[in-house]
Amino acid sequence: MREETGGFTKAADEYERGRPGYPADAVQWVAGRAGLRPGKRVVDLAAGTGKLTRELVATGAEVVAVEPLAEMRKHLSGSLPSVPVVGGIAEATGLAADCADAVTIAQAFHWFANEATLAELARIMRRDGLLFLIWNRRELDDPLQAAISELTLPHVGATPSYGSGSWQPVMRACPSFALDEEHHSRFSQLVDRRRLVDRVASTSYIALLADEVRLPLLEQVAALIGPGQEAELPYTTDVYCYRRL
C-alpha cells in the first residue's frame, strides 16, 4: 500500500462525516446492470467506511466488503454488523476464486491500478461477471469547489488521483476485462462549515500534513462558508462497467 494511504487512518472519522455517498440513479444503474438481488454476491473492494456498501446491501444481494484499514473497518462494521468484512488488499483480497458475480470499487481504483490487482480481480470474479469502477468527481467550475482546490492543490504532491487518468491505460491493456458501458450522473452535497471542513480533512494528503500547516488550512476552508450557513458542493458520478472475459 502507498504511504499516502496512511492519511485515511488518521481521518477515518472525518471521512465518514464529510464524504458524500452516491446518487440513487448511479446505484440503481449498477444494481440493474449487475442484476443484484438475493442469490447474487457482490464484493465491495476498498469499501472504506461503507458509503457504497450500505447501498449494495439494500439490493438484497450478498455483500462482502474488503477494506485494509482497521480505522475504516471500524466504521463499516459498526453500521453494517451483518456484512462480512475482510482486511485484505486489492492485490490479495483473501477471497476464494470465482466467488463474486460483481465487484465494485468506489473512489479508490486509482490507488491500486496495476496488473496484480487486475489478476486478483479476475481470480475472484466469475466469467462474465461485472466490475464497476466508480468515482464522485468534484465539479471544479463551481466557485466553492474551485476555492477548495486553490487551498489544497499546493499539497497534492504525487498522490494518485482519478483525474490523472493513469488508471485507464492499465484497464485497456488488461486481457481479462473489457469496457462494457458507462454511466454519468450529477448531484450536490449539502454542507455546513463542519461538514465542509471534514470533507477536506478526509483527503489523504491533507490528513498527513503537520498540524502547523493543516490546522490553519482547515480554518481557511471553514471561512469559505459563513457561520450558520449551508452550501452545495456539486459532483459528477462517473461509473465504468467492465466485463470479466
C-alpha atoms as a PDB file:
ATOM      1  CA  MET A   1       0.000   0.000   0.000  1.00  0.00           C
ATOM      2  CA  ARG A   2       1.193   3.512  -0.797  1.00  0.00           C
ATOM      3  CA  GLU A   3       2.439   5.620   2.083  1.00  0.00           C
ATOM      4  CA  GLU A   4      -0.166   8.301   1.353  1.00  0.00           C
ATOM      5  CA  THR A   5      -2.998   5.938   2.311  1.00  0.00           C
ATOM      6  CA  GLY A   6      -1.878   6.463   5.895  1.00  0.00           C
ATOM      7  CA  GLY A   7      -3.846   9.693   5.761  1.00  0.00           C
ATOM      8  CA  PHE A   8      -7.059   7.685   5.794  1.00  0.00           C
ATOM      9  CA  THR A   9      -6.069   6.014   9.069  1.00  0.00           C
ATOM     10  CA  LYS A  10      -5.829   9.467  10.639  1.00  0.00           C
ATOM     11  CA  ALA A  11      -9.034  10.798   9.102  1.00  0.00           C
ATOM     12  CA  ALA A  12     -11.489   7.890   9.146  1.00  0.00           C
ATOM     13  CA  ASP A  13     -13.911   9.832  11.358  1.00  0.00           C
ATOM     14  CA  GLU A  14     -13.763  12.862   9.068  1.00  0.00           C
ATOM     15  CA  TYR A  15     -14.211  10.587   6.063  1.00  0.00           C
ATOM     16  CA  GLU A  16     -17.412   9.133   7.455  1.00  0.00           C
ATOM     17  CA  ARG A  17     -18.800  12.545   8.432  1.00  0.00           C
ATOM     18  CA  GLY A  18     -17.640  14.584   5.459  1.00  0.00           C
ATOM     19  CA  ARG A  19     -17.624  12.417   2.344  1.00  0.00           C
ATOM     20  CA  PRO A  20     -20.796  12.239   0.242  1.00  0.00           C
ATOM     21  CA  GLY A  21     -22.499   8.982  -0.613  1.00  0.00           C
ATOM     22  CA  TYR A  22     -23.521   8.036  -4.159  1.00  0.00           C
ATOM     23  CA  PRO A  23     -26.600   9.251  -6.053  1.00  0.00           C
ATOM     24  CA  ALA A  24     -29.571   6.917  -6.236  1.00  0.00           C
ATOM     25  CA  ASP A  25     -29.626   6.753 -10.033  1.00  0.00           C
ATOM     26  CA  ALA A  26     -25.981   5.647 -10.163  1.00  0.00           C
ATOM     27  CA  VAL A  27     -26.559   2.956  -7.539  1.00  0.00           C
ATOM     28  CA  GLN A  28     -29.696   1.772  -9.331  1.00  0.00           C
ATOM     29  CA  TRP A  29     -27.791   1.597 -12.605  1.00  0.00           C
ATOM     30  CA  VAL A  30     -25.080  -0.566 -11.018  1.00  0.00           C
ATOM     31  CA  ALA A  31     -27.669  -2.807  -9.374  1.00  0.00           C
ATOM     32  CA  GLY A  32     -29.604  -3.181 -12.609  1.00  0.00           C
ATOM     33  CA  ARG A  33     -26.582  -3.921 -14.805  1.00  0.00           C
ATOM     34  CA  ALA A  34     -25.257  -6.481 -12.315  1.00  0.00           C
ATOM     35  CA  GLY A  35     -28.679  -7.979 -11.590  1.00  0.00           C
ATOM     36  CA  LEU A  36     -28.114  -7.579  -7.867  1.00  0.00           C
ATOM     37  CA  ARG A  37     -30.751  -9.464  -5.886  1.00  0.00           C
ATOM     38  CA  PRO A  38     -30.948 -12.307  -3.374  1.00  0.00           C
ATOM     39  CA  GLY A  39     -28.737 -15.140  -4.573  1.00  0.00           C
ATOM     40  CA  LYS A  40     -26.131 -12.824  -6.117  1.00  0.00           C
ATOM     41  CA  ARG A  41     -22.832 -11.949  -4.442  1.00  0.00           C
ATOM     42  CA  VAL A  42     -21.072  -8.614  -4.817  1.00  0.00           C
ATOM     43  CA  VAL A  43     -17.663  -7.724  -3.400  1.00  0.00           C
ATOM     44  CA  ASP A  44     -17.167  -4.089  -2.420  1.00  0.00           C
ATOM     45  CA  LEU A  45     -13.398  -3.640  -2.654  1.00  0.00           C
ATOM     46  CA  ALA A  46     -11.688  -0.834  -0.716  1.00  0.00           C
ATOM     47  CA  ALA A  47     -15.046  -0.304   0.948  1.00  0.00           C
ATOM     48  CA  GLY A  48     -13.810   2.392   3.315  1.00  0.00           C
ATOM     49  CA  THR A  49     -16.421   3.314   5.919  1.00  0.00           C
ATOM     50  CA  GLY A  50     -19.166   1.665   3.858  1.00  0.00           C
ATOM     51  CA  LYS A  51     -20.548   4.594   1.866  1.00  0.00           C
ATOM     52  CA  LEU A  52     -21.381   2.366  -1.119  1.00  0.00           C
ATOM     53  CA  THR A  53     -21.641  -0.881   0.855  1.00  0.00           C
ATOM     54  CA  ARG A  54     -24.838   0.334   2.542  1.00  0.00           C
ATOM     55  CA  GLU A  55     -26.475   0.911  -0.828  1.00  0.00           C
ATOM     56  CA  LEU A  56     -25.451  -2.530  -2.090  1.00  0.00           C
ATOM     57  CA  VAL A  57     -26.931  -4.238   0.972  1.00  0.00           C
ATOM     58  CA  ALA A  58     -30.285  -2.657   0.155  1.00  0.00           C
ATOM     59  CA  THR A  59     -30.416  -4.625  -3.138  1.00  0.00           C
ATOM     60  CA  GLY A  60     -30.792  -7.905  -1.237  1.00  0.00           C
ATOM     61  CA  ALA A  61     -27.604  -9.328  -2.727  1.00  0.00           C
ATOM     62  CA  GLU A  62     -24.985 -10.950  -0.508  1.00  0.00           C
ATOM     63  CA  VAL A  63     -22.330  -8.283   0.087  1.00  0.00           C
ATOM     64  CA  VAL A  64     -18.739  -8.895   1.156  1.00  0.00           C
ATOM     65  CA  ALA A  65     -16.612  -5.858   1.990  1.00  0.00           C
ATOM     66  CA  VAL A  66     -12.831  -5.788   1.635  1.00  0.00           C
ATOM     67  CA  GLU A  67     -11.017  -2.941   3.425  1.00  0.00           C
ATOM     68  CA  PRO A  68      -7.377  -2.986   4.553  1.00  0.00           C
ATOM     69  CA  LEU A  69      -7.503  -0.139   7.101  1.00  0.00           C
ATOM     70  CA  ALA A  70      -8.733  -1.046  10.580  1.00  0.00           C
ATOM     71  CA  GLU A  71      -9.942   2.500  11.256  1.00  0.00           C
ATOM     72  CA  MET A  72     -12.205   2.354   8.205  1.00  0.00           C
ATOM     73  CA  ARG A  73     -13.409  -1.167   9.009  1.00  0.00           C
ATOM     74  CA  LYS A  74     -14.484   0.002  12.468  1.00  0.00           C
ATOM     75  CA  HIS A  75     -16.999   2.414  10.948  1.00  0.00           C
ATOM     76  CA  LEU A  76     -18.172  -0.117   8.368  1.00  0.00           C
ATOM     77  CA  SER A  77     -18.751  -2.901  10.875  1.00  0.00           C
ATOM     78  CA  GLY A  78     -20.429  -0.518  13.283  1.00  0.00           C
ATOM     79  CA  SER A  79     -23.094   0.474  10.769  1.00  0.00           C
ATOM     80  CA  LEU A  80     -23.322  -2.871   8.937  1.00  0.00           C
ATOM     81  CA  PRO A  81     -22.714  -5.606  11.535  1.00  0.00           C
ATOM     82  CA  SER A  82     -24.207  -8.315   9.295  1.00  0.00           C
ATOM     83  CA  VAL A  83     -21.793  -7.683   6.405  1.00  0.00           C
ATOM     84  CA  PRO A  84     -18.613  -9.816   6.337  1.00  0.00           C
ATOM     85  CA  VAL A  85     -15.581  -7.515   6.314  1.00  0.00           C
ATOM     86  CA  VAL A  86     -12.216  -8.837   5.139  1.00  0.00           C
ATOM     87  CA  GLY A  87      -8.992  -6.992   5.891  1.00  0.00           C
ATOM     88  CA  GLY A  88      -7.423  -7.743   2.509  1.00  0.00           C
ATOM     89  CA  ILE A  89      -5.784  -5.511  -0.061  1.00  0.00           C
ATOM     90  CA  ALA A  90      -6.626  -5.168  -3.747  1.00  0.00           C
ATOM     91  CA  GLU A  91      -3.746  -7.373  -4.853  1.00  0.00           C
ATOM     92  CA  ALA A  92      -4.531 -10.070  -2.257  1.00  0.00           C
ATOM     93  CA  THR A  93      -8.152  -9.968  -1.099  1.00  0.00           C
ATOM     94  CA  GLY A  94      -8.102 -13.276   0.746  1.00  0.00           C
ATOM     95  CA  LEU A  95     -11.320 -14.314  -1.010  1.00  0.00           C
ATOM     96  CA  ALA A  96     -11.983 -17.620  -2.766  1.00  0.00           C
ATOM     97  CA  ALA A  97     -11.676 -17.991  -6.526  1.00  0.00           C
ATOM     98  CA  ASP A  98     -14.812 -17.457  -8.632  1.00  0.00           C
ATOM     99  CA  CYS A  99     -16.758 -16.175  -5.629  1.00  0.00           C
ATOM    100  CA  ALA A 100     -18.167 -12.895  -6.989  1.00  0.00           C
ATOM    101  CA  ASP A 101     -20.849 -12.123  -9.536  1.00  0.00           C
ATOM    102  CA  ALA A 102     -19.807  -8.458  -9.400  1.00  0.00           C
ATOM    103  CA  VAL A 103     -17.130  -6.270  -7.851  1.00  0.00           C
ATOM    104  CA  THR A 104     -17.487  -2.583  -7.029  1.00  0.00           C
ATOM    105  CA  ILE A 105     -14.606  -0.201  -6.369  1.00  0.00           C
ATOM    106  CA  ALA A 106     -15.757   3.254  -5.343  1.00  0.00           C
ATOM    107  CA  GLN A 107     -13.433   6.243  -5.045  1.00  0.00           C
ATOM    108  CA  ALA A 108     -10.356   4.024  -4.852  1.00  0.00           C
ATOM    109  CA  PHE A 109      -9.141   2.239  -8.007  1.00  0.00           C
ATOM    110  CA  HIS A 110      -6.573   4.960  -8.796  1.00  0.00           C
ATOM    111  CA  TRP A 111      -4.707   3.893  -5.653  1.00  0.00           C
ATOM    112  CA  PHE A 112      -4.043   0.358  -6.905  1.00  0.00           C
ATOM    113  CA  ALA A 113      -4.491   0.374 -10.700  1.00  0.00           C
ATOM    114  CA  ASN A 114      -1.926  -2.290 -11.568  1.00  0.00           C
ATOM    115  CA  GLU A 115      -1.580  -5.730 -13.123  1.00  0.00           C
ATOM    116  CA  ALA A 116      -1.532  -7.519  -9.765  1.00  0.00           C
ATOM    117  CA  THR A 117      -4.888  -6.013  -8.797  1.00  0.00           C
ATOM    118  CA  LEU A 118      -6.481  -6.971 -12.094  1.00  0.00           C
ATOM    119  CA  ALA A 119      -5.113 -10.505 -11.824  1.00  0.00           C
ATOM    120  CA  GLU A 120      -6.687 -10.790  -8.368  1.00  0.00           C
ATOM    121  CA  LEU A 121      -9.998  -9.398  -9.604  1.00  0.00           C
ATOM    122  CA  ALA A 122     -10.016 -11.878 -12.483  1.00  0.00           C
ATOM    123  CA  ARG A 123      -9.342 -14.675  -9.991  1.00  0.00           C
ATOM    124  CA  ILE A 124     -12.225 -13.870  -7.621  1.00  0.00           C
ATOM    125  CA  MET A 125     -14.792 -12.992 -10.314  1.00  0.00           C
ATOM    126  CA  ARG A 126     -16.920 -15.445 -12.223  1.00  0.00           C
ATOM    127  CA  ARG A 127     -16.659 -15.320 -16.000  1.00  0.00           C
ATOM    128  CA  ASP A 128     -18.998 -12.686 -17.451  1.00  0.00           C
ATOM    129  CA  GLY A 129     -19.119 -11.009 -14.040  1.00  0.00           C
ATOM    130  CA  LEU A 130     -19.114  -7.210 -13.951  1.00  0.00           C
ATOM    131  CA  LEU A 131     -16.563  -4.849 -12.444  1.00  0.00           C
ATOM    132  CA  PHE A 132     -17.739  -1.324 -11.601  1.00  0.00           C
ATOM    133  CA  LEU A 133     -15.236   1.492 -11.138  1.00  0.00           C
ATOM    134  CA  ILE A 134     -16.992   4.443  -9.506  1.00  0.00           C
ATOM    135  CA  TRP A 135     -15.869   7.962  -8.672  1.00  0.00           C
ATOM    136  CA  ASN A 136     -17.552  11.096  -7.359  1.00  0.00           C
ATOM    137  CA  ARG A 137     -15.785  13.839  -9.315  1.00  0.00           C
ATOM    138  CA  ARG A 138     -15.798  17.362  -7.914  1.00  0.00           C
ATOM    139  CA  GLU A 139     -17.190  19.990 -10.328  1.00  0.00           C
ATOM    140  CA  LEU A 140     -14.296  22.444 -10.358  1.00  0.00           C
ATOM    141  CA  ASP A 141     -16.145  25.115 -12.340  1.00  0.00           C
ATOM    142  CA  ASP A 142     -18.229  25.705  -9.202  1.00  0.00           C
ATOM    143  CA  PRO A 143     -16.857  28.687  -7.226  1.00  0.00           C
ATOM    144  CA  LEU A 144     -16.813  26.875  -3.871  1.00  0.00           C
ATOM    145  CA  GLN A 145     -15.175  23.754  -5.298  1.00  0.00           C
ATOM    146  CA  ALA A 146     -12.640  25.959  -7.087  1.00  0.00           C
ATOM    147  CA  ALA A 147     -11.850  27.813  -3.862  1.00  0.00           C
ATOM    148  CA  ILE A 148     -11.252  24.492  -2.080  1.00  0.00           C
ATOM    149  CA  SER A 149      -8.872  23.400  -4.825  1.00  0.00           C
ATOM    150  CA  GLU A 150      -6.954  26.664  -4.638  1.00  0.00           C
ATOM    151  CA  LEU A 151      -6.239  25.942  -0.975  1.00  0.00           C
ATOM    152  CA  THR A 152      -5.458  22.229  -1.308  1.00  0.00           C
ATOM    153  CA  LEU A 153      -3.654  21.805  -4.637  1.00  0.00           C
ATOM    154  CA  PRO A 154      -0.267  23.045  -3.343  1.00  0.00           C
ATOM    155  CA  HIS A 155      -0.214  19.984  -1.068  1.00  0.00           C
ATOM    156  CA  VAL A 156      -1.176  17.239  -3.548  1.00  0.00           C
ATOM    157  CA  GLY A 157       2.354  16.186  -4.467  1.00  0.00           C
ATOM    158  CA  ALA A 158       2.492  12.739  -6.105  1.00  0.00           C
ATOM    159  CA  THR A 159      -0.752  11.487  -4.560  1.00  0.00           C
ATOM    160  CA  PRO A 160      -2.634   9.266  -7.070  1.00  0.00           C
ATOM    161  CA  SER A 161      -5.861  10.687  -8.438  1.00  0.00           C
ATOM    162  CA  TYR A 162      -8.751   9.653 -10.628  1.00  0.00           C
ATOM    163  CA  GLY A 163      -8.385  12.847 -12.641  1.00  0.00           C
ATOM    164  CA  SER A 164      -4.884  11.951 -13.818  1.00  0.00           C
ATOM    165  CA  GLY A 165      -6.371   9.184 -15.981  1.00  0.00           C
ATOM    166  CA  SER A 166      -3.380   6.948 -15.246  1.00  0.00           C
ATOM    167  CA  TRP A 167      -5.729   4.051 -14.425  1.00  0.00           C
ATOM    168  CA  GLN A 168      -7.173   3.959 -17.959  1.00  0.00           C
ATOM    169  CA  PRO A 169      -4.145   2.511 -19.826  1.00  0.00           C
ATOM    170  CA  VAL A 170      -3.968  -0.214 -17.182  1.00  0.00           C
ATOM    171  CA  MET A 171      -7.540  -1.229 -17.932  1.00  0.00           C
ATOM    172  CA  ARG A 172      -7.088  -1.052 -21.708  1.00  0.00           C
ATOM    173  CA  ALA A 173      -4.031  -3.298 -21.555  1.00  0.00           C
ATOM    174  CA  CYS A 174      -5.718  -5.961 -19.425  1.00  0.00           C
ATOM    175  CA  PRO A 175      -6.862  -9.022 -21.417  1.00  0.00           C
ATOM    176  CA  SER A 176      -9.260 -10.154 -18.663  1.00  0.00           C
ATOM    177  CA  PHE A 177     -11.640  -7.171 -18.763  1.00  0.00           C
ATOM    178  CA  ALA A 178     -13.417  -5.213 -21.486  1.00  0.00           C
ATOM    179  CA  LEU A 179     -15.299  -1.938 -21.103  1.00  0.00           C
ATOM    180  CA  ASP A 180     -18.991  -2.685 -21.375  1.00  0.00           C
ATOM    181  CA  GLU A 181     -20.782   0.591 -20.651  1.00  0.00           C
ATOM    182  CA  GLU A 182     -20.545   3.912 -18.787  1.00  0.00           C
ATOM    183  CA  HIS A 183     -22.984   5.889 -16.680  1.00  0.00           C
ATOM    184  CA  HIS A 184     -22.668   9.519 -15.568  1.00  0.00           C
ATOM    185  CA  SER A 185     -24.906  11.481 -13.233  1.00  0.00           C
ATOM    186  CA  ARG A 186     -24.783  14.716 -11.258  1.00  0.00           C
ATOM    187  CA  PHE A 187     -25.697  15.506  -7.675  1.00  0.00           C
ATOM    188  CA  SER A 188     -24.937  18.016  -4.928  1.00  0.00           C
ATOM    189  CA  GLN A 189     -23.809  17.545  -1.339  1.00  0.00           C
ATOM    190  CA  LEU A 190     -25.305  19.969   1.185  1.00  0.00           C
ATOM    191  CA  VAL A 191     -22.649  21.046   3.697  1.00  0.00           C
ATOM    192  CA  ASP A 192     -22.334  23.369   6.648  1.00  0.00           C
ATOM    193  CA  ARG A 193     -18.989  24.616   7.966  1.00  0.00           C
ATOM    194  CA  ARG A 194     -18.289  21.467   9.975  1.00  0.00           C
ATOM    195  CA  ARG A 195     -19.070  19.092   7.161  1.00  0.00           C
ATOM    196  CA  LEU A 196     -17.077  21.161   4.663  1.00  0.00           C
ATOM    197  CA  VAL A 197     -14.031  21.038   6.932  1.00  0.00           C
ATOM    198  CA  ASP A 198     -14.494  17.286   7.409  1.00  0.00           C
ATOM    199  CA  ARG A 199     -14.759  16.825   3.644  1.00  0.00           C
ATOM    200  CA  VAL A 200     -11.397  18.494   3.089  1.00  0.00           C
ATOM    201  CA  ALA A 201      -9.786  16.986   6.190  1.00  0.00           C
ATOM    202  CA  SER A 202     -10.680  13.495   4.923  1.00  0.00           C
ATOM    203  CA  THR A 203      -8.357  13.915   1.935  1.00  0.00           C
ATOM    204  CA  SER A 204      -5.309  11.704   2.447  1.00  0.00           C
ATOM    205  CA  TYR A 205      -2.639  14.291   1.675  1.00  0.00           C
ATOM    206  CA  ILE A 206      -4.319  16.889   3.886  1.00  0.00           C
ATOM    207  CA  ALA A 207      -4.576  14.462   6.799  1.00  0.00           C
ATOM    208  CA  LEU A 208      -0.817  13.806   6.558  1.00  0.00           C
ATOM    209  CA  LEU A 209       0.174  17.471   6.832  1.00  0.00           C
ATOM    210  CA  ALA A 210       1.853  18.682  10.003  1.00  0.00           C
ATOM    211  CA  ASP A 211      -0.567  20.364  12.391  1.00  0.00           C
ATOM    212  CA  GLU A 212       1.070  23.755  11.915  1.00  0.00           C
ATOM    213  CA  VAL A 213       0.145  23.566   8.211  1.00  0.00           C
ATOM    214  CA  ARG A 214      -3.070  21.527   8.321  1.00  0.00           C
ATOM    215  CA  LEU A 215      -4.953  23.405  11.035  1.00  0.00           C
ATOM    216  CA  PRO A 216      -4.568  26.919   9.527  1.00  0.00           C
ATOM    217  CA  LEU A 217      -5.549  25.484   6.134  1.00  0.00           C
ATOM    218  CA  LEU A 218      -8.725  23.999   7.600  1.00  0.00           C
ATOM    219  CA  GLU A 219      -9.515  27.363   9.189  1.00  0.00           C
ATOM    220  CA  GLN A 220      -9.319  28.896   5.716  1.00  0.00           C
ATOM    221  CA  VAL A 221     -11.653  26.187   4.436  1.00  0.00           C
ATOM    222  CA  ALA A 222     -14.139  26.922   7.226  1.00  0.00           C
ATOM    223  CA  ALA A 223     -14.124  30.590   6.271  1.00  0.00           C
ATOM    224  CA  LEU A 224     -15.479  29.723   2.808  1.00  0.00           C
ATOM    225  CA  ILE A 225     -18.944  29.350   4.374  1.00  0.00           C
ATOM    226  CA  GLY A 226     -20.478  31.903   6.702  1.00  0.00           C
ATOM    227  CA  PRO A 227     -21.393  30.991  10.308  1.00  0.00           C
ATOM    228  CA  GLY A 228     -24.670  29.075  10.420  1.00  0.00           C
ATOM    229  CA  GLN A 229     -24.859  28.895   6.636  1.00  0.00           C
ATOM    230  CA  GLU A 230     -25.007  25.940   4.265  1.00  0.00           C
ATOM    231  CA  ALA A 231     -23.795  25.500   0.712  1.00  0.00           C
ATOM    232  CA  GLU A 232     -23.961  22.903  -2.040  1.00  0.00           C
ATOM    233  CA  LEU A 233     -20.939  21.073  -3.416  1.00  0.00           C
ATOM    234  CA  PRO A 234     -21.692  19.781  -6.932  1.00  0.00           C
ATOM    235  CA  TYR A 235     -20.288  16.469  -8.191  1.00  0.00           C
ATOM    236  CA  THR A 236     -20.474  14.229 -11.224  1.00  0.00           C
ATOM    237  CA  THR A 237     -20.530  10.500 -10.517  1.00  0.00           C
ATOM    238  CA  ASP A 238     -18.670   8.514 -13.182  1.00  0.00           C
ATOM    239  CA  VAL A 239     -19.318   4.762 -13.364  1.00  0.00           C
ATOM    240  CA  TYR A 240     -17.379   2.452 -15.691  1.00  0.00           C
ATOM    241  CA  CYS A 241     -18.655  -1.091 -16.147  1.00  0.00           C
ATOM    242  CA  TYR A 242     -16.155  -3.761 -17.276  1.00  0.00           C
ATOM    243  CA  ARG A 243     -16.999  -7.352 -18.149  1.00  0.00           C
ATOM    244  CA  ARG A 244     -14.836 -10.234 -16.971  1.00  0.00           C
ATOM    245  CA  LEU A 245     -13.830 -12.121 -20.129  1.00  0.00           C
END
